[in-house]
Amino acid sequence: MKHKLISVFLLVALLISPLAYSSDFRKGVDAFQKEDFQQAYQVFSSLANQGDALAQFTLGFMYENGQGVPQNDIEAVRWYHAAAEQGDALAQLSLGVRYTEGRGVPQNDAEAIRWYRAAAEQGQAQAQINLGARYIQGKGVPQNDAEAIRWFRAAAEQGDAQAQFRLSSMYFIGGGVVQNHVQAHMWANIAASQGNQNAVKLRNQLAEEMTPTQIQEAQKLAQEWVNSR
């Protein structure tokens, strides 16, 4: 999860438009990309204390990873919480992870669900996956495969390969849905095309249990889904 959040943050930073954010924020991003973390910290700290939610998330991220400041889980949570309360979906996801793992806060399944749901309802794909997984496990929520399917599908439709694999798996075992090898193969194939190796294995396993006609139908559905994007 930590590496996932790093990748997400860097993507956000690289895509920030100078027209959308202040020149000061751009200075912080530029410093961060140059790995001048102390300068980035100074910029983001100033903006965070002025109430900038994205700067607050970034400051939490830097405390989490010890970039420009000593690593400090409690400070990371403090800034994630400030940004999450303002509706920042990445901060809400990060806070959910913290409550799941008990890092910087006491472990609390109910709070993890609260923040995963807040981010998931904004369309944050990883939060949707995490929420779906909690429904399968019955942690913080009643066990409910149908709800898990709903959230996996929401992330899968956004193109998330992990969610596509999980959705495929649910169709394969009939968890929360009627067992359907065609749908399972379709989603496994889409995830496999993005390099998900678990999906490759599942797709191959499914193919051994399907007729040529079923495989052809699944491939057709997968291609139609890709073409609709």
Protein backbone atom coordinates (compact mmCIF):
# COMPACT_ATOMS: atom_id res chain seq x y z
CA MET A 1 0.00 0.00 0.00
CA LYS A 2 2.83 2.40 0.82
CA HIS A 3 4.31 2.07 -2.66
CA LYS A 4 0.85 2.46 -4.17
CA LEU A 5 0.36 5.78 -2.38
CA ILE A 6 3.80 6.97 -3.47
CA SER A 7 2.93 6.24 -7.09
CA VAL A 8 -0.43 7.96 -6.74
CA PHE A 9 1.09 11.05 -5.21
CA LEU A 10 3.79 11.41 -7.84
CA LEU A 11 1.18 11.05 -10.58
CA VAL A 12 -0.92 13.78 -8.99
CA ALA A 13 2.11 16.01 -8.63
CA LEU A 14 3.17 15.55 -12.24
CA LEU A 15 -0.30 16.32 -13.57
CA ILE A 16 -0.95 19.45 -11.54
CA SER A 17 -1.70 22.38 -13.82
CA PRO A 18 -0.06 25.73 -13.04
CA LEU A 19 -3.43 27.31 -13.76
CA ALA A 20 -5.22 25.15 -11.22
CA TYR A 21 -2.93 25.73 -8.22
CA SER A 22 -0.91 28.59 -6.79
CA SER A 23 2.59 29.39 -7.92
CA ASP A 24 3.76 28.50 -4.41
CA PHE A 25 2.29 25.01 -4.72
CA ARG A 26 4.06 24.59 -8.06
CA LYS A 27 7.32 25.56 -6.35
CA GLY A 28 6.71 22.82 -3.81
CA VAL A 29 5.98 20.27 -6.52
CA ASP A 30 9.08 21.27 -8.48
CA ALA A 31 11.24 20.93 -5.35
CA PHE A 32 9.67 17.55 -4.55
CA GLN A 33 10.35 16.24 -8.06
CA LYS A 34 13.98 17.40 -7.76
CA GLU A 35 14.12 15.53 -4.41
CA ASP A 36 14.82 18.79 -2.61
CA PHE A 37 12.55 17.63 0.17
CA GLN A 38 13.53 20.27 2.70
CA GLN A 39 12.50 23.05 0.32
CA ALA A 40 9.33 21.17 -0.59
CA TYR A 41 8.52 20.76 3.08
CA GLN A 42 8.89 24.48 3.72
CA VAL A 43 6.52 25.33 0.87
CA PHE A 44 3.90 22.71 1.70
CA SER A 45 4.08 23.43 5.44
CA SER A 46 3.30 27.09 4.84
CA LEU A 47 0.37 26.26 2.57
CA ALA A 48 -0.91 23.51 4.87
CA ASN A 49 -1.04 25.90 7.80
CA GLN A 50 -3.12 28.23 5.62
CA GLY A 51 -5.66 25.42 5.15
CA ASP A 52 -4.70 24.11 1.70
CA ALA A 53 -6.03 20.53 1.66
CA LEU A 54 -3.68 19.14 -0.99
CA ALA A 55 -0.70 20.67 0.81
CA GLN A 56 -1.94 19.08 4.03
CA PHE A 57 -2.13 15.69 2.34
CA THR A 58 1.35 16.20 0.90
CA LEU A 59 2.74 17.16 4.27
CA GLY A 60 1.24 14.02 5.78
CA PHE A 61 2.81 12.02 2.97
CA MET A 62 6.22 13.55 3.68
CA TYR A 63 5.96 12.76 7.39
CA GLU A 64 4.90 9.22 6.53
CA ASN A 65 7.98 8.69 4.36
CA GLY A 66 10.50 10.86 6.22
CA GLN A 67 11.06 13.20 3.28
CA GLY A 68 12.37 16.59 4.41
CA VAL A 69 11.39 15.77 8.01
CA PRO A 70 12.02 12.90 10.42
CA GLN A 71 9.57 10.07 9.82
CA ASN A 72 6.62 10.56 12.18
CA ASP A 73 3.43 8.53 11.99
CA ILE A 74 1.53 10.75 14.42
CA GLU A 75 2.28 13.90 12.42
CA ALA A 76 1.38 12.07 9.21
CA VAL A 77 -2.02 11.19 10.65
CA ARG A 78 -2.55 14.74 11.91
CA TRP A 79 -2.11 16.20 8.44
CA TYR A 80 -3.98 13.42 6.66
CA HIS A 81 -6.87 14.05 9.03
CA ALA A 82 -6.84 17.80 8.36
CA ALA A 83 -6.99 17.19 4.60
CA ALA A 84 -9.50 14.35 4.88
CA GLU A 85 -11.90 16.54 6.84
CA GLN A 86 -11.81 18.95 3.90
CA GLY A 87 -12.77 16.16 1.51
CA ASP A 88 -9.40 15.24 0.00
CA ALA A 89 -9.92 11.68 -1.27
CA LEU A 90 -6.24 10.64 -1.16
CA ALA A 91 -6.02 11.80 2.44
CA GLN A 92 -9.19 9.88 3.26
CA LEU A 93 -7.71 6.75 1.70
CA SER A 94 -4.44 7.25 3.59
CA LEU A 95 -6.31 7.73 6.85
CA GLY A 96 -8.30 4.56 6.21
CA VAL A 97 -5.06 2.64 5.73
CA ARG A 98 -3.68 4.09 8.97
CA TYR A 99 -6.73 2.98 10.95
CA THR A 100 -6.59 -0.45 9.30
CA GLU A 101 -2.95 -0.97 10.25
CA GLY A 102 -2.90 0.98 13.52
CA ARG A 103 -0.05 3.25 12.48
CA GLY A 104 -0.09 6.63 14.21
CA VAL A 105 -3.53 5.84 15.60
CA PRO A 106 -5.08 2.94 17.52
CA GLN A 107 -6.26 0.24 15.12
CA ASN A 108 -9.98 0.85 14.48
CA ASP A 109 -11.97 -1.00 11.83
CA ALA A 110 -14.97 1.31 12.09
CA GLU A 111 -12.84 4.41 11.47
CA ALA A 112 -11.06 2.66 8.59
CA ILE A 113 -14.43 1.98 6.98
CA ARG A 114 -15.56 5.54 7.56
CA TRP A 115 -12.63 6.96 5.64
CA TYR A 116 -12.51 4.30 2.93
CA ARG A 117 -16.19 4.95 2.26
CA ALA A 118 -15.69 8.73 2.13
CA ALA A 119 -12.96 8.32 -0.49
CA ALA A 120 -14.78 5.53 -2.35
CA GLU A 121 -17.90 7.66 -2.71
CA GLN A 122 -15.72 10.27 -4.43
CA GLY A 123 -14.58 7.62 -6.92
CA GLN A 124 -11.15 6.86 -5.45
CA ALA A 125 -10.43 3.43 -6.93
CA GLN A 126 -8.05 2.07 -4.27
CA ALA A 127 -10.50 3.08 -1.55
CA GLN A 128 -13.25 1.26 -3.43
CA ILE A 129 -11.08 -1.87 -3.56
CA ASN A 130 -10.21 -1.61 0.13
CA LEU A 131 -13.87 -1.14 1.04
CA GLY A 132 -14.86 -4.13 -1.06
CA ALA A 133 -12.21 -6.24 0.64
CA ARG A 134 -13.55 -5.26 4.06
CA TYR A 135 -17.02 -6.42 3.04
CA ILE A 136 -15.58 -9.80 2.07
CA GLN A 137 -13.74 -10.05 5.39
CA GLY A 138 -16.58 -8.65 7.48
CA LYS A 139 -14.23 -6.24 9.25
CA GLY A 140 -15.88 -3.02 10.38
CA VAL A 141 -18.98 -3.93 8.38
CA PRO A 142 -21.26 -6.98 8.18
CA GLN A 143 -19.88 -9.55 5.75
CA ASN A 144 -21.57 -8.91 2.41
CA ASP A 145 -20.26 -10.29 -0.89
CA ALA A 146 -22.82 -8.33 -2.90
CA GLU A 147 -21.49 -5.05 -1.47
CA ALA A 148 -17.96 -6.20 -2.18
CA ILE A 149 -18.94 -6.82 -5.79
CA ARG A 150 -20.47 -3.36 -6.03
CA TRP A 151 -17.28 -1.64 -4.95
CA PHE A 152 -14.96 -3.89 -6.96
CA ARG A 153 -17.06 -3.17 -10.03
CA ALA A 154 -16.92 0.58 -9.42
CA ALA A 155 -13.11 0.47 -9.41
CA ALA A 156 -12.96 -2.06 -12.27
CA GLU A 157 -15.04 0.20 -14.48
CA GLN A 158 -12.44 2.92 -13.89
CA GLY A 159 -9.82 0.60 -15.36
CA ASP A 160 -8.13 -0.58 -12.18
CA ALA A 161 -6.52 -3.96 -12.92
CA GLN A 162 -6.53 -5.10 -9.29
CA ALA A 163 -10.27 -4.46 -9.06
CA GLN A 164 -10.84 -6.21 -12.38
CA PHE A 165 -9.02 -9.28 -11.08
CA ARG A 166 -11.02 -9.24 -7.86
CA LEU A 167 -14.28 -8.90 -9.79
CA SER A 168 -13.24 -11.79 -12.00
CA SER A 169 -12.52 -13.89 -8.93
CA MET A 170 -15.98 -13.19 -7.52
CA TYR A 171 -17.61 -14.32 -10.75
CA PHE A 172 -15.37 -17.39 -10.75
CA ILE A 173 -16.43 -18.55 -7.28
CA GLY A 174 -19.96 -17.13 -7.37
CA GLY A 175 -19.36 -14.76 -4.47
CA GLY A 176 -22.15 -12.19 -4.31
CA VAL A 177 -23.20 -13.06 -7.85
CA VAL A 178 -24.30 -16.10 -9.79
CA GLN A 179 -21.19 -18.01 -10.88
CA ASN A 180 -20.39 -16.97 -14.44
CA HIS A 181 -17.23 -18.14 -16.18
CA VAL A 182 -17.82 -15.89 -19.19
CA GLN A 183 -17.89 -12.77 -17.02
CA ALA A 184 -14.97 -14.08 -14.97
CA HIS A 185 -12.90 -14.65 -18.12
CA MET A 186 -13.86 -11.26 -19.51
CA TRP A 187 -12.63 -9.36 -16.45
CA ALA A 188 -9.57 -11.55 -16.00
CA ASN A 189 -8.66 -10.94 -19.63
CA ILE A 190 -8.99 -7.17 -19.25
CA ALA A 191 -6.85 -7.20 -16.09
CA ALA A 192 -4.31 -9.52 -17.72
CA SER A 193 -3.95 -7.10 -20.62
CA GLN A 194 -2.71 -4.55 -18.07
CA GLY A 195 -0.09 -6.94 -16.76
CA ASN A 196 -1.85 -8.37 -13.72
CA GLN A 197 -0.20 -11.78 -13.39
CA ASN A 198 -2.83 -13.19 -11.04
CA ALA A 199 -5.40 -12.39 -13.71
CA VAL A 200 -3.31 -14.18 -16.33
CA LYS A 201 -3.30 -17.33 -14.18
CA LEU A 202 -7.03 -17.10 -13.50
CA ARG A 203 -7.86 -16.51 -17.16
CA ASN A 204 -5.84 -19.57 -18.14
CA GLN A 205 -7.50 -21.65 -15.44
CA LEU A 206 -10.93 -20.52 -16.60
CA ALA A 207 -10.14 -21.33 -20.22
CA GLU A 208 -9.51 -24.95 -19.25
CA GLU A 209 -13.06 -25.17 -17.87
CA MET A 210 -14.84 -23.32 -20.70
CA THR A 211 -16.02 -24.28 -24.16
CA PRO A 212 -14.53 -22.55 -27.22
CA THR A 213 -17.86 -20.75 -27.69
CA GLN A 214 -17.78 -19.41 -24.13
CA ILE A 215 -14.20 -18.22 -24.52
CA GLN A 216 -15.08 -16.48 -27.76
CA GLU A 217 -18.01 -14.73 -26.08
CA ALA A 218 -15.83 -13.64 -23.16
CA GLN A 219 -13.18 -12.27 -25.51
CA LYS A 220 -15.83 -10.39 -27.45
CA LEU A 221 -17.18 -8.81 -24.26
CA ALA A 222 -13.67 -7.85 -23.15
CA GLN A 223 -12.93 -6.22 -26.50
CA GLU A 224 -16.22 -4.33 -26.43
CA TRP A 225 -15.41 -3.03 -22.95
CA VAL A 226 -11.95 -1.87 -24.03
CA ASN A 227 -13.34 -0.22 -27.17
CA SER A 228 -15.93 1.67 -25.14
CA ARG A 229 -13.18 3.41 -23.18
